[in-house]
Amino acid sequence: MKGAARLIGALAMVAFSVSAVAAGARFVVVSHAPDADPFWNVVKNGIADAQRDFGVTVDYRNPPNGDLADMVRALEQASARNYDGVATTIADFDVVRDPLKTIVAKGIPVVTFNSGTARQNAELGGLLHVGQPEYEAGKAAGERARAAGVKSFLCVNNNATNPASFERCRGFAEAIGADFKRSTLDSGNDPTEVENRVFAALHKRPDTQAVLALGPTSAVPAMRAISKRGLTKKIYFATFDLTPEVDKGIEAGTVAFAIDQQPYLQGYIPVALLALMKRDKTRDIRRAVAALQANPQFQQRVRTYGLKPRFSPDGVDTGPNFVTRENVALVEKYAGQYR
């Protein structure tokens, strides 16, 4: 019992030391996401938990309607306010390049997450990228579909303003041997518009064997369109990211799988790394990564929510992970909050 008490005390001191030294630090997270996308609610939960765990203040900024010009303005404001650190998505490399380079030139540490790649992060002067390699995720999904006999598909892209989104479609197409451009549909974000466009596309292409949605905004309306055409369980349906409707579809067998990029980690990890660098007064991101991996609060959250971050010299991969009938129960337990 004395040993357990000492361990608890030691862990408490670790938590206290992080909070005490990082106290007063103020960071900003800037994303490209519109307010209507439910995926980002989980990201924001990760941000909020990291804020509490590390005793820092975090502002979240995003373009309400997904307009990248508004995102650029948010980054310019972040530079002017001299935050202690910035975490941002690389929604479009050419669009965010100038404001990010200005931030880096001022000596403000930058961690990128979600959209973008480790290579783009390095070119922009960022310290690390946290996210899912999009082409690889699409390809892995396509390999699953190919094993099921799929040779043609419709890629429902509700985020066509983000060039990285097309990498998901391209990876899937190349895995099954389909024409990438012919298979991709710019669906928009309005649910009714998505449903109508998918319905029309399936009418025009009756030989379509599979539908891949790139997120919840397109997945749920696409499922409705498939149902209205009487194709439920006849079309191989898969999607990126999760919603309660998608979870129920997996359980019912109408959704083959969901590709989970673990948005909670995309919110939590960048804030945690910035806090640890502030604590240690260093720009050594590798040291911060090692400290995060050893952090008891982070370890507990990963275990509790069934999360699987993959640390590498190039960054932190949060996906792809696949949610199927075998593991959907655990995911559904925390859906909308941590998964």
C-alpha atoms as a PDB file:
ATOM      1  CA  MET A   1       0.000   0.000   0.000  1.00  0.00           C
ATOM      2  CA  LYS A   2       2.853   2.388   0.821  1.00  0.00           C
ATOM      3  CA  GLY A   3       4.363   1.671  -2.605  1.00  0.00           C
ATOM      4  CA  ALA A   4       1.055   2.438  -4.300  1.00  0.00           C
ATOM      5  CA  ALA A   5       0.748   5.656  -2.319  1.00  0.00           C
ATOM      6  CA  ARG A   6       4.231   6.721  -3.337  1.00  0.00           C
ATOM      7  CA  LEU A   7       3.394   5.976  -7.007  1.00  0.00           C
ATOM      8  CA  ILE A   8       0.194   8.006  -6.846  1.00  0.00           C
ATOM      9  CA  GLY A   9       2.094  10.848  -5.232  1.00  0.00           C
ATOM     10  CA  ALA A  10       4.774  10.719  -7.905  1.00  0.00           C
ATOM     11  CA  LEU A  11       2.198  10.816 -10.700  1.00  0.00           C
ATOM     12  CA  ALA A  12       0.485  13.741  -9.029  1.00  0.00           C
ATOM     13  CA  MET A  13       3.786  15.607  -8.870  1.00  0.00           C
ATOM     14  CA  VAL A  14       4.355  14.947 -12.589  1.00  0.00           C
ATOM     15  CA  ALA A  15       0.914  16.376 -13.398  1.00  0.00           C
ATOM     16  CA  PHE A  16       1.506  19.331 -11.083  1.00  0.00           C
ATOM     17  CA  SER A  17       4.893  20.116 -12.534  1.00  0.00           C
ATOM     18  CA  VAL A  18       3.515  20.204 -16.077  1.00  0.00           C
ATOM     19  CA  SER A  19       0.679  22.532 -15.079  1.00  0.00           C
ATOM     20  CA  ALA A  20       2.792  24.757 -12.869  1.00  0.00           C
ATOM     21  CA  VAL A  21       5.553  25.398 -15.379  1.00  0.00           C
ATOM     22  CA  ALA A  22       3.271  25.736 -18.414  1.00  0.00           C
ATOM     23  CA  ALA A  23       0.768  27.933 -16.564  1.00  0.00           C
ATOM     24  CA  GLY A  24       0.173  31.229 -18.315  1.00  0.00           C
ATOM     25  CA  ALA A  25       0.978  29.802 -21.755  1.00  0.00           C
ATOM     26  CA  ARG A  26      -1.560  30.677 -24.436  1.00  0.00           C
ATOM     27  CA  PHE A  27      -1.851  28.754 -27.685  1.00  0.00           C
ATOM     28  CA  VAL A  28      -4.180  28.955 -30.668  1.00  0.00           C
ATOM     29  CA  VAL A  29      -5.560  26.132 -32.808  1.00  0.00           C
ATOM     30  CA  VAL A  30      -6.621  27.188 -36.302  1.00  0.00           C
ATOM     31  CA  SER A  31      -8.576  24.811 -38.533  1.00  0.00           C
ATOM     32  CA  HIS A  32     -10.223  24.971 -41.949  1.00  0.00           C
ATOM     33  CA  ALA A  33     -13.401  23.305 -40.674  1.00  0.00           C
ATOM     34  CA  PRO A  34     -16.883  24.793 -41.038  1.00  0.00           C
ATOM     35  CA  ASP A  35     -19.031  24.923 -37.910  1.00  0.00           C
ATOM     36  CA  ALA A  36     -21.455  22.323 -39.291  1.00  0.00           C
ATOM     37  CA  ASP A  37     -18.957  19.439 -39.478  1.00  0.00           C
ATOM     38  CA  PRO A  38     -19.505  17.108 -36.453  1.00  0.00           C
ATOM     39  CA  PHE A  39     -16.053  15.549 -36.874  1.00  0.00           C
ATOM     40  CA  TRP A  40     -14.520  18.639 -35.300  1.00  0.00           C
ATOM     41  CA  ASN A  41     -16.499  18.341 -32.095  1.00  0.00           C
ATOM     42  CA  VAL A  42     -14.254  15.393 -31.174  1.00  0.00           C
ATOM     43  CA  VAL A  43     -11.134  17.357 -32.149  1.00  0.00           C
ATOM     44  CA  LYS A  44     -12.264  20.164 -29.853  1.00  0.00           C
ATOM     45  CA  ASN A  45     -12.797  17.690 -27.005  1.00  0.00           C
ATOM     46  CA  GLY A  46      -9.171  16.630 -27.404  1.00  0.00           C
ATOM     47  CA  ILE A  47      -8.085  20.275 -27.337  1.00  0.00           C
ATOM     48  CA  ALA A  48     -10.122  20.913 -24.177  1.00  0.00           C
ATOM     49  CA  ASP A  49      -8.696  17.877 -22.353  1.00  0.00           C
ATOM     50  CA  ALA A  50      -5.117  18.802 -23.240  1.00  0.00           C
ATOM     51  CA  GLN A  51      -5.815  22.323 -22.029  1.00  0.00           C
ATOM     52  CA  ARG A  52      -6.917  20.931 -18.656  1.00  0.00           C
ATOM     53  CA  ASP A  53      -4.189  18.282 -18.398  1.00  0.00           C
ATOM     54  CA  PHE A  54      -1.372  20.745 -19.060  1.00  0.00           C
ATOM     55  CA  GLY A  55      -2.764  23.872 -17.426  1.00  0.00           C
ATOM     56  CA  VAL A  56      -2.666  26.083 -20.515  1.00  0.00           C
ATOM     57  CA  THR A  57      -5.125  28.339 -22.335  1.00  0.00           C
ATOM     58  CA  VAL A  58      -6.137  27.462 -25.899  1.00  0.00           C
ATOM     59  CA  ASP A  59      -8.129  29.576 -28.353  1.00  0.00           C
ATOM     60  CA  TYR A  60      -9.855  27.785 -31.224  1.00  0.00           C
ATOM     61  CA  ARG A  61     -10.359  29.634 -34.511  1.00  0.00           C
ATOM     62  CA  ASN A  62     -12.056  28.392 -37.684  1.00  0.00           C
ATOM     63  CA  PRO A  63     -13.918  29.774 -40.705  1.00  0.00           C
ATOM     64  CA  PRO A  64     -17.635  29.289 -39.874  1.00  0.00           C
ATOM     65  CA  ASN A  65     -18.506  28.422 -43.481  1.00  0.00           C
ATOM     66  CA  GLY A  66     -15.228  26.758 -44.429  1.00  0.00           C
ATOM     67  CA  ASP A  67     -13.943  29.743 -46.419  1.00  0.00           C
ATOM     68  CA  LEU A  68     -10.153  29.450 -46.581  1.00  0.00           C
ATOM     69  CA  ALA A  69      -9.823  33.236 -46.844  1.00  0.00           C
ATOM     70  CA  ASP A  70     -11.272  33.402 -43.329  1.00  0.00           C
ATOM     71  CA  MET A  71      -8.762  30.785 -42.190  1.00  0.00           C
ATOM     72  CA  VAL A  72      -5.922  32.905 -43.569  1.00  0.00           C
ATOM     73  CA  ARG A  73      -7.218  35.890 -41.616  1.00  0.00           C
ATOM     74  CA  ALA A  74      -7.275  33.753 -38.451  1.00  0.00           C
ATOM     75  CA  LEU A  75      -3.620  32.806 -39.022  1.00  0.00           C
ATOM     76  CA  GLU A  76      -2.678  36.444 -39.619  1.00  0.00           C
ATOM     77  CA  GLN A  77      -4.395  37.386 -36.363  1.00  0.00           C
ATOM     78  CA  ALA A  78      -2.538  34.571 -34.578  1.00  0.00           C
ATOM     79  CA  SER A  79       0.746  36.018 -35.801  1.00  0.00           C
ATOM     80  CA  ALA A  80      -0.175  39.520 -34.640  1.00  0.00           C
ATOM     81  CA  ARG A  81      -1.172  38.311 -31.163  1.00  0.00           C
ATOM     82  CA  ASN A  82       2.161  36.541 -30.569  1.00  0.00           C
ATOM     83  CA  TYR A  83       0.800  33.306 -29.112  1.00  0.00           C
ATOM     84  CA  ASP A  84       3.195  30.935 -27.355  1.00  0.00           C
ATOM     85  CA  GLY A  85       2.444  28.335 -30.011  1.00  0.00           C
ATOM     86  CA  VAL A  86       0.214  27.645 -33.010  1.00  0.00           C
ATOM     87  CA  ALA A  87      -1.398  24.399 -34.139  1.00  0.00           C
ATOM     88  CA  THR A  88      -3.002  24.511 -37.566  1.00  0.00           C
ATOM     89  CA  THR A  89      -4.238  22.417 -40.447  1.00  0.00           C
ATOM     90  CA  ILE A  90      -2.653  22.640 -43.881  1.00  0.00           C
ATOM     91  CA  ALA A  91      -5.951  22.887 -45.717  1.00  0.00           C
ATOM     92  CA  ASP A  92      -4.231  24.140 -48.880  1.00  0.00           C
ATOM     93  CA  PHE A  93      -0.454  24.441 -48.904  1.00  0.00           C
ATOM     94  CA  ASP A  94      -0.350  27.464 -51.221  1.00  0.00           C
ATOM     95  CA  VAL A  95      -3.087  29.280 -49.293  1.00  0.00           C
ATOM     96  CA  VAL A  96      -1.595  28.927 -45.803  1.00  0.00           C
ATOM     97  CA  ARG A  97       2.080  29.157 -46.795  1.00  0.00           C
ATOM     98  CA  ASP A  98       2.598  32.912 -46.400  1.00  0.00           C
ATOM     99  CA  PRO A  99       0.817  33.419 -43.058  1.00  0.00           C
ATOM    100  CA  LEU A 100       2.491  30.328 -41.594  1.00  0.00           C
ATOM    101  CA  LYS A 101       5.934  31.389 -42.735  1.00  0.00           C
ATOM    102  CA  THR A 102       5.321  34.761 -41.061  1.00  0.00           C
ATOM    103  CA  ILE A 103       4.426  32.998 -37.814  1.00  0.00           C
ATOM    104  CA  VAL A 104       7.514  30.772 -37.989  1.00  0.00           C
ATOM    105  CA  ALA A 105       9.755  33.765 -38.770  1.00  0.00           C
ATOM    106  CA  LYS A 106       8.621  35.360 -35.501  1.00  0.00           C
ATOM    107  CA  GLY A 107       9.942  32.357 -33.602  1.00  0.00           C
ATOM    108  CA  ILE A 108       6.518  30.981 -32.686  1.00  0.00           C
ATOM    109  CA  PRO A 109       6.515  27.149 -32.636  1.00  0.00           C
ATOM    110  CA  VAL A 110       4.081  25.566 -35.096  1.00  0.00           C
ATOM    111  CA  VAL A 111       2.639  22.048 -35.060  1.00  0.00           C
ATOM    112  CA  THR A 112       0.383  21.039 -37.955  1.00  0.00           C
ATOM    113  CA  PHE A 113      -2.403  18.488 -37.767  1.00  0.00           C
ATOM    114  CA  ASN A 114      -5.217  16.825 -39.698  1.00  0.00           C
ATOM    115  CA  SER A 115      -4.808  18.104 -43.289  1.00  0.00           C
ATOM    116  CA  GLY A 116      -1.363  18.136 -44.812  1.00  0.00           C
ATOM    117  CA  THR A 117       1.721  15.951 -44.668  1.00  0.00           C
ATOM    118  CA  ALA A 118       4.977  15.703 -42.766  1.00  0.00           C
ATOM    119  CA  ARG A 119       6.798  16.938 -45.871  1.00  0.00           C
ATOM    120  CA  GLN A 120       4.578  20.013 -46.151  1.00  0.00           C
ATOM    121  CA  ASN A 121       5.035  20.660 -42.441  1.00  0.00           C
ATOM    122  CA  ALA A 122       8.800  20.694 -42.890  1.00  0.00           C
ATOM    123  CA  GLU A 123       8.581  23.005 -45.924  1.00  0.00           C
ATOM    124  CA  LEU A 124       6.510  25.471 -43.919  1.00  0.00           C
ATOM    125  CA  GLY A 125       8.928  25.408 -40.984  1.00  0.00           C
ATOM    126  CA  GLY A 126       6.622  23.460 -38.697  1.00  0.00           C
ATOM    127  CA  LEU A 127       8.031  21.192 -36.015  1.00  0.00           C
ATOM    128  CA  LEU A 128       5.824  18.105 -36.449  1.00  0.00           C
ATOM    129  CA  HIS A 129       2.703  16.885 -38.230  1.00  0.00           C
ATOM    130  CA  VAL A 130      -0.069  14.979 -36.440  1.00  0.00           C
ATOM    131  CA  GLY A 131      -2.593  13.273 -38.663  1.00  0.00           C
ATOM    132  CA  GLN A 132      -3.509  10.589 -41.114  1.00  0.00           C
ATOM    133  CA  PRO A 133      -1.558  10.025 -44.364  1.00  0.00           C
ATOM    134  CA  GLU A 134      -4.489  10.491 -46.720  1.00  0.00           C
ATOM    135  CA  TYR A 135      -3.329   8.577 -49.786  1.00  0.00           C
ATOM    136  CA  GLU A 136      -2.255   5.631 -47.667  1.00  0.00           C
ATOM    137  CA  ALA A 137      -5.600   5.663 -45.845  1.00  0.00           C
ATOM    138  CA  GLY A 138      -7.533   5.646 -49.106  1.00  0.00           C
ATOM    139  CA  LYS A 139      -5.358   2.891 -50.492  1.00  0.00           C
ATOM    140  CA  ALA A 140      -5.782   0.711 -47.400  1.00  0.00           C
ATOM    141  CA  ALA A 141      -9.554   1.177 -47.662  1.00  0.00           C
ATOM    142  CA  GLY A 142      -9.429   0.286 -51.336  1.00  0.00           C
ATOM    143  CA  GLU A 143      -7.479  -2.865 -50.622  1.00  0.00           C
ATOM    144  CA  ARG A 144     -10.268  -4.007 -48.307  1.00  0.00           C
ATOM    145  CA  ALA A 145     -12.833  -3.269 -50.998  1.00  0.00           C
ATOM    146  CA  ARG A 146     -10.776  -5.053 -53.668  1.00  0.00           C
ATOM    147  CA  ALA A 147     -10.655  -8.154 -51.466  1.00  0.00           C
ATOM    148  CA  ALA A 148     -14.461  -8.044 -51.483  1.00  0.00           C
ATOM    149  CA  GLY A 149     -14.511  -7.977 -55.296  1.00  0.00           C
ATOM    150  CA  VAL A 150     -15.053  -4.241 -55.815  1.00  0.00           C
ATOM    151  CA  LYS A 151     -13.806  -2.842 -59.131  1.00  0.00           C
ATOM    152  CA  SER A 152     -15.791   0.386 -59.494  1.00  0.00           C
ATOM    153  CA  PHE A 153     -16.817   3.065 -57.000  1.00  0.00           C
ATOM    154  CA  LEU A 154     -18.132   6.563 -56.413  1.00  0.00           C
ATOM    155  CA  CYS A 155     -16.025   8.804 -54.177  1.00  0.00           C
ATOM    156  CA  VAL A 156     -18.321  11.353 -52.508  1.00  0.00           C
ATOM    157  CA  ASN A 157     -16.098  14.338 -51.719  1.00  0.00           C
ATOM    158  CA  ASN A 158     -17.796  16.953 -49.557  1.00  0.00           C
ATOM    159  CA  ASN A 159     -14.528  18.816 -49.005  1.00  0.00           C
ATOM    160  CA  ALA A 160     -13.320  19.513 -52.530  1.00  0.00           C
ATOM    161  CA  THR A 161     -11.826  22.866 -51.464  1.00  0.00           C
ATOM    162  CA  ASN A 162      -9.203  20.853 -49.578  1.00  0.00           C
ATOM    163  CA  PRO A 163      -6.767  19.375 -52.136  1.00  0.00           C
ATOM    164  CA  ALA A 164      -5.621  16.693 -49.685  1.00  0.00           C
ATOM    165  CA  SER A 165      -9.109  15.179 -49.683  1.00  0.00           C
ATOM    166  CA  PHE A 166      -8.642  13.968 -53.256  1.00  0.00           C
ATOM    167  CA  GLU A 167      -5.736  11.817 -52.086  1.00  0.00           C
ATOM    168  CA  ARG A 168      -8.247   9.584 -50.295  1.00  0.00           C
ATOM    169  CA  CYS A 169     -10.172   9.056 -53.533  1.00  0.00           C
ATOM    170  CA  ARG A 170      -6.981   8.517 -55.518  1.00  0.00           C
ATOM    171  CA  GLY A 171      -5.626   5.901 -53.100  1.00  0.00           C
ATOM    172  CA  PHE A 172      -8.903   3.943 -53.143  1.00  0.00           C
ATOM    173  CA  ALA A 173      -9.139   4.145 -56.942  1.00  0.00           C
ATOM    174  CA  GLU A 174      -5.597   2.913 -57.494  1.00  0.00           C
ATOM    175  CA  ALA A 175      -6.097   0.028 -55.060  1.00  0.00           C
ATOM    176  CA  ILE A 176      -9.109  -1.310 -56.993  1.00  0.00           C
ATOM    177  CA  GLY A 177      -7.875  -0.319 -60.467  1.00  0.00           C
ATOM    178  CA  ALA A 178     -10.532   2.348 -61.128  1.00  0.00           C
ATOM    179  CA  ASP A 179     -10.320   5.713 -62.894  1.00  0.00           C
ATOM    180  CA  PHE A 180      -9.750   8.240 -60.109  1.00  0.00           C
ATOM    181  CA  LYS A 181     -11.159  11.352 -61.790  1.00  0.00           C
ATOM    182  CA  ARG A 182     -14.216   9.645 -63.277  1.00  0.00           C
ATOM    183  CA  SER A 183     -14.999   8.091 -59.893  1.00  0.00           C
ATOM    184  CA  THR A 184     -14.917  11.336 -57.867  1.00  0.00           C
ATOM    185  CA  LEU A 185     -18.008  13.435 -57.172  1.00  0.00           C
ATOM    186  CA  ASP A 186     -17.858  16.985 -55.761  1.00  0.00           C
ATOM    187  CA  SER A 187     -20.929  16.687 -53.545  1.00  0.00           C
ATOM    188  CA  GLY A 188     -20.861  19.976 -51.663  1.00  0.00           C
ATOM    189  CA  ASN A 189     -21.705  20.160 -47.961  1.00  0.00           C
ATOM    190  CA  ASP A 190     -25.444  20.790 -47.943  1.00  0.00           C
ATOM    191  CA  PRO A 191     -27.119  17.496 -46.887  1.00  0.00           C
ATOM    192  CA  THR A 192     -29.944  17.753 -49.421  1.00  0.00           C
ATOM    193  CA  GLU A 193     -27.511  18.603 -52.197  1.00  0.00           C
ATOM    194  CA  VAL A 194     -25.253  15.682 -51.276  1.00  0.00           C
ATOM    195  CA  GLU A 195     -28.182  13.270 -51.273  1.00  0.00           C
ATOM    196  CA  ASN A 196     -29.465  14.490 -54.640  1.00  0.00           C
ATOM    197  CA  ARG A 197     -26.061  14.384 -56.298  1.00  0.00           C
ATOM    198  CA  VAL A 198     -25.329  10.866 -55.062  1.00  0.00           C
ATOM    199  CA  PHE A 199     -28.799   9.709 -56.130  1.00  0.00           C
ATOM    200  CA  ALA A 200     -28.254  11.156 -59.626  1.00  0.00           C
ATOM    201  CA  ALA A 201     -24.740   9.740 -59.925  1.00  0.00           C
ATOM    202  CA  LEU A 202     -25.901   6.229 -59.037  1.00  0.00           C
ATOM    203  CA  HIS A 203     -28.728   6.529 -61.568  1.00  0.00           C
ATOM    204  CA  LYS A 204     -26.241   7.611 -64.232  1.00  0.00           C
ATOM    205  CA  ARG A 205     -23.737   4.880 -63.308  1.00  0.00           C
ATOM    206  CA  PRO A 206     -25.756   1.729 -62.531  1.00  0.00           C
ATOM    207  CA  ASP A 207     -22.587  -0.372 -62.639  1.00  0.00           C
ATOM    208  CA  THR A 208     -21.194   1.311 -59.489  1.00  0.00           C
ATOM    209  CA  GLN A 209     -20.211  -1.374 -56.979  1.00  0.00           C
ATOM    210  CA  ALA A 210     -19.113   0.765 -54.051  1.00  0.00           C
ATOM    211  CA  VAL A 211     -19.530   4.209 -52.519  1.00  0.00           C
ATOM    212  CA  LEU A 212     -16.803   5.859 -50.437  1.00  0.00           C
ATOM    213  CA  ALA A 213     -17.797   8.945 -48.439  1.00  0.00           C
ATOM    214  CA  LEU A 214     -15.055  11.256 -47.202  1.00  0.00           C
ATOM    215  CA  GLY A 215     -16.716  12.248 -43.943  1.00  0.00           C
ATOM    216  CA  PRO A 216     -19.922  12.375 -41.909  1.00  0.00           C
ATOM    217  CA  THR A 217     -21.241  15.366 -43.855  1.00  0.00           C
ATOM    218  CA  SER A 218     -21.385  13.262 -47.013  1.00  0.00           C
ATOM    219  CA  ALA A 219     -21.809   9.804 -45.457  1.00  0.00           C
ATOM    220  CA  VAL A 220     -25.272  10.189 -43.935  1.00  0.00           C
ATOM    221  CA  PRO A 221     -26.900  11.830 -47.005  1.00  0.00           C
ATOM    222  CA  ALA A 222     -25.185   9.268 -49.255  1.00  0.00           C
ATOM    223  CA  MET A 223     -26.661   6.468 -47.161  1.00  0.00           C
ATOM    224  CA  ARG A 224     -30.112   8.001 -47.656  1.00  0.00           C
ATOM    225  CA  ALA A 225     -29.579   8.201 -51.426  1.00  0.00           C
ATOM    226  CA  ILE A 226     -28.504   4.561 -51.541  1.00  0.00           C
ATOM    227  CA  SER A 227     -31.572   3.561 -49.562  1.00  0.00           C
ATOM    228  CA  LYS A 228     -33.912   5.516 -51.856  1.00  0.00           C
ATOM    229  CA  ARG A 229     -32.456   3.737 -54.856  1.00  0.00           C
ATOM    230  CA  GLY A 230     -33.083   0.392 -53.181  1.00  0.00           C
ATOM    231  CA  LEU A 231     -29.382  -0.428 -53.063  1.00  0.00           C
ATOM    232  CA  THR A 232     -28.847  -0.868 -49.316  1.00  0.00           C
ATOM    233  CA  LYS A 233     -26.683  -3.968 -48.747  1.00  0.00           C
ATOM    234  CA  LYS A 234     -26.261  -4.237 -52.531  1.00  0.00           C
ATOM    235  CA  ILE A 235     -23.640  -1.496 -52.703  1.00  0.00           C
ATOM    236  CA  TYR A 236     -20.400  -1.776 -50.758  1.00  0.00           C
ATOM    237  CA  PHE A 237     -20.468   1.350 -48.604  1.00  0.00           C
ATOM    238  CA  ALA A 238     -17.573   2.731 -46.567  1.00  0.00           C
ATOM    239  CA  THR A 239     -16.751   6.111 -45.105  1.00  0.00           C
ATOM    240  CA  PHE A 240     -14.093   8.151 -43.421  1.00  0.00           C
ATOM    241  CA  ASP A 241     -14.880   9.130 -39.846  1.00  0.00           C
ATOM    242  CA  LEU A 242     -17.757   8.296 -37.554  1.00  0.00           C
ATOM    243  CA  THR A 243     -21.270   9.316 -36.589  1.00  0.00           C
ATOM    244  CA  PRO A 244     -23.971   7.440 -34.657  1.00  0.00           C
ATOM    245  CA  GLU A 245     -25.658   6.699 -38.000  1.00  0.00           C
ATOM    246  CA  VAL A 246     -22.448   5.196 -39.356  1.00  0.00           C
ATOM    247  CA  ASP A 247     -21.975   3.122 -36.195  1.00  0.00           C
ATOM    248  CA  LYS A 248     -25.496   1.725 -36.541  1.00  0.00           C
ATOM    249  CA  GLY A 249     -24.825   0.966 -40.195  1.00  0.00           C
ATOM    250  CA  ILE A 250     -21.705  -1.004 -39.277  1.00  0.00           C
ATOM    251  CA  GLU A 251     -23.679  -2.986 -36.719  1.00  0.00           C
ATOM    252  CA  ALA A 252     -26.436  -3.661 -39.267  1.00  0.00           C
ATOM    253  CA  GLY A 253     -24.023  -4.646 -42.021  1.00  0.00           C
ATOM    254  CA  THR A 254     -25.012  -1.801 -44.358  1.00  0.00           C
ATOM    255  CA  VAL A 255     -21.646  -0.075 -43.817  1.00  0.00           C
ATOM    256  CA  ALA A 256     -18.607  -2.249 -44.470  1.00  0.00           C
ATOM    257  CA  PHE A 257     -16.275  -0.143 -42.341  1.00  0.00           C
ATOM    258  CA  ALA A 258     -15.350   3.380 -41.297  1.00  0.00           C
ATOM    259  CA  ILE A 259     -11.823   4.728 -41.543  1.00  0.00           C
ATOM    260  CA  ASP A 260     -11.058   6.275 -38.167  1.00  0.00           C
ATOM    261  CA  GLN A 261      -8.355   8.940 -38.029  1.00  0.00           C
ATOM    262  CA  GLN A 262      -8.871   9.413 -34.286  1.00  0.00           C
ATOM    263  CA  PRO A 263      -9.761  13.123 -34.252  1.00  0.00           C
ATOM    264  CA  TYR A 264      -9.465  13.281 -30.472  1.00  0.00           C
ATOM    265  CA  LEU A 265      -5.721  12.684 -30.798  1.00  0.00           C
ATOM    266  CA  GLN A 266      -5.459  15.350 -33.497  1.00  0.00           C
ATOM    267  CA  GLY A 267      -6.790  17.867 -31.005  1.00  0.00           C
ATOM    268  CA  TYR A 268      -4.981  16.614 -27.914  1.00  0.00           C
ATOM    269  CA  ILE A 269      -1.461  15.880 -29.166  1.00  0.00           C
ATOM    270  CA  PRO A 270      -0.554  19.252 -30.800  1.00  0.00           C
ATOM    271  CA  VAL A 271      -1.613  21.180 -27.683  1.00  0.00           C
ATOM    272  CA  ALA A 272       0.217  18.738 -25.407  1.00  0.00           C
ATOM    273  CA  LEU A 273       3.438  19.006 -27.426  1.00  0.00           C
ATOM    274  CA  LEU A 274       3.345  22.809 -27.437  1.00  0.00           C
ATOM    275  CA  ALA A 275       2.755  22.759 -23.662  1.00  0.00           C
ATOM    276  CA  LEU A 276       5.651  20.377 -23.048  1.00  0.00           C
ATOM    277  CA  MET A 277       8.011  22.481 -25.148  1.00  0.00           C
ATOM    278  CA  LYS A 278       6.927  25.555 -23.192  1.00  0.00           C
ATOM    279  CA  ARG A 279       7.470  23.679 -19.946  1.00  0.00           C
ATOM    280  CA  ASP A 280      10.971  22.569 -20.900  1.00  0.00           C
ATOM    281  CA  LYS A 281      11.862  25.866 -22.617  1.00  0.00           C
ATOM    282  CA  THR A 282      12.974  24.024 -25.712  1.00  0.00           C
ATOM    283  CA  ARG A 283      12.223  23.755 -29.429  1.00  0.00           C
ATOM    284  CA  ASP A 284      13.298  20.098 -29.392  1.00  0.00           C
ATOM    285  CA  ILE A 285      10.116  18.451 -30.614  1.00  0.00           C
ATOM    286  CA  ARG A 286      11.560  14.939 -30.218  1.00  0.00           C
ATOM    287  CA  ARG A 287      12.101  15.589 -26.539  1.00  0.00           C
ATOM    288  CA  ALA A 288       8.509  16.771 -26.240  1.00  0.00           C
ATOM    289  CA  VAL A 289       7.243  13.647 -28.048  1.00  0.00           C
ATOM    290  CA  ALA A 290       9.182  11.406 -25.658  1.00  0.00           C
ATOM    291  CA  ALA A 291       7.775  13.323 -22.680  1.00  0.00           C
ATOM    292  CA  LEU A 292       4.245  12.937 -24.036  1.00  0.00           C
ATOM    293  CA  GLN A 293       4.641   9.196 -24.524  1.00  0.00           C
ATOM    294  CA  ALA A 294       5.703   8.908 -20.882  1.00  0.00           C
ATOM    295  CA  ASN A 295       2.983  11.208 -19.571  1.00  0.00           C
ATOM    296  CA  PRO A 296       0.572   9.283 -17.292  1.00  0.00           C
ATOM    297  CA  GLN A 297      -2.461  11.420 -18.136  1.00  0.00           C
ATOM    298  CA  PHE A 298      -1.968  10.852 -21.843  1.00  0.00           C
ATOM    299  CA  GLN A 299      -1.387   7.128 -21.343  1.00  0.00           C
ATOM    300  CA  GLN A 300      -4.581   6.826 -19.327  1.00  0.00           C
ATOM    301  CA  ARG A 301      -6.670   8.602 -21.960  1.00  0.00           C
ATOM    302  CA  VAL A 302      -5.264   6.402 -24.731  1.00  0.00           C
ATOM    303  CA  ARG A 303      -6.064   3.225 -22.802  1.00  0.00           C
ATOM    304  CA  THR A 304      -9.522   4.326 -21.692  1.00  0.00           C
ATOM    305  CA  TYR A 305     -10.731   5.366 -25.136  1.00  0.00           C
ATOM    306  CA  GLY A 306      -9.016   2.566 -27.067  1.00  0.00           C
ATOM    307  CA  LEU A 307      -6.838   4.943 -29.083  1.00  0.00           C
ATOM    308  CA  LYS A 308      -3.797   3.943 -31.125  1.00  0.00           C
ATOM    309  CA  PRO A 309      -1.355   6.748 -31.973  1.00  0.00           C
ATOM    310  CA  ARG A 310       1.670   5.719 -34.026  1.00  0.00           C
ATOM    311  CA  PHE A 311       4.822   7.699 -33.271  1.00  0.00           C
ATOM    312  CA  SER A 312       7.572   7.891 -35.876  1.00  0.00           C
ATOM    313  CA  PRO A 313      10.512  10.177 -36.694  1.00  0.00           C
ATOM    314  CA  ASP A 314       8.322  11.930 -39.284  1.00  0.00           C
ATOM    315  CA  GLY A 315       5.420  12.717 -36.957  1.00  0.00           C
ATOM    316  CA  VAL A 316       2.437  11.120 -35.291  1.00  0.00           C
ATOM    317  CA  ASP A 317       0.045   9.071 -37.412  1.00  0.00           C
ATOM    318  CA  THR A 318      -3.452   8.976 -35.953  1.00  0.00           C
ATOM    319  CA  GLY A 319      -4.827   6.767 -38.724  1.00  0.00           C
ATOM    320  CA  PRO A 320      -5.910   4.918 -40.637  1.00  0.00           C
ATOM    321  CA  ASN A 321      -7.687   2.666 -38.180  1.00  0.00           C
ATOM    322  CA  PHE A 322     -10.679   0.618 -39.279  1.00  0.00           C
ATOM    323  CA  VAL A 323     -13.946   0.358 -37.386  1.00  0.00           C
ATOM    324  CA  THR A 324     -15.834  -2.830 -38.220  1.00  0.00           C
ATOM    325  CA  ARG A 325     -18.414  -5.037 -36.546  1.00  0.00           C
ATOM    326  CA  GLU A 326     -15.620  -6.512 -34.423  1.00  0.00           C
ATOM    327  CA  ASN A 327     -14.698  -3.294 -32.627  1.00  0.00           C
ATOM    328  CA  VAL A 328     -17.623  -0.928 -33.175  1.00  0.00           C
ATOM    329  CA  ALA A 329     -19.020  -1.483 -29.653  1.00  0.00           C
ATOM    330  CA  LEU A 330     -16.029   0.192 -27.955  1.00  0.00           C
ATOM    331  CA  VAL A 331     -16.006   3.000 -30.491  1.00  0.00           C
ATOM    332  CA  GLU A 332     -19.750   3.556 -30.132  1.00  0.00           C
ATOM    333  CA  LYS A 333     -19.376   3.859 -26.372  1.00  0.00           C
ATOM    334  CA  TYR A 334     -17.318   7.019 -26.844  1.00  0.00           C
ATOM    335  CA  ALA A 335     -18.772   8.174 -30.168  1.00  0.00           C
ATOM    336  CA  GLY A 336     -19.082  11.920 -30.515  1.00  0.00           C
ATOM    337  CA  GLN A 337     -16.864  12.567 -27.508  1.00  0.00           C
ATOM    338  CA  TYR A 338     -13.556  10.759 -27.844  1.00  0.00           C
ATOM    339  CA  ARG A 339     -14.000   8.673 -31.010  1.00  0.00           C
END
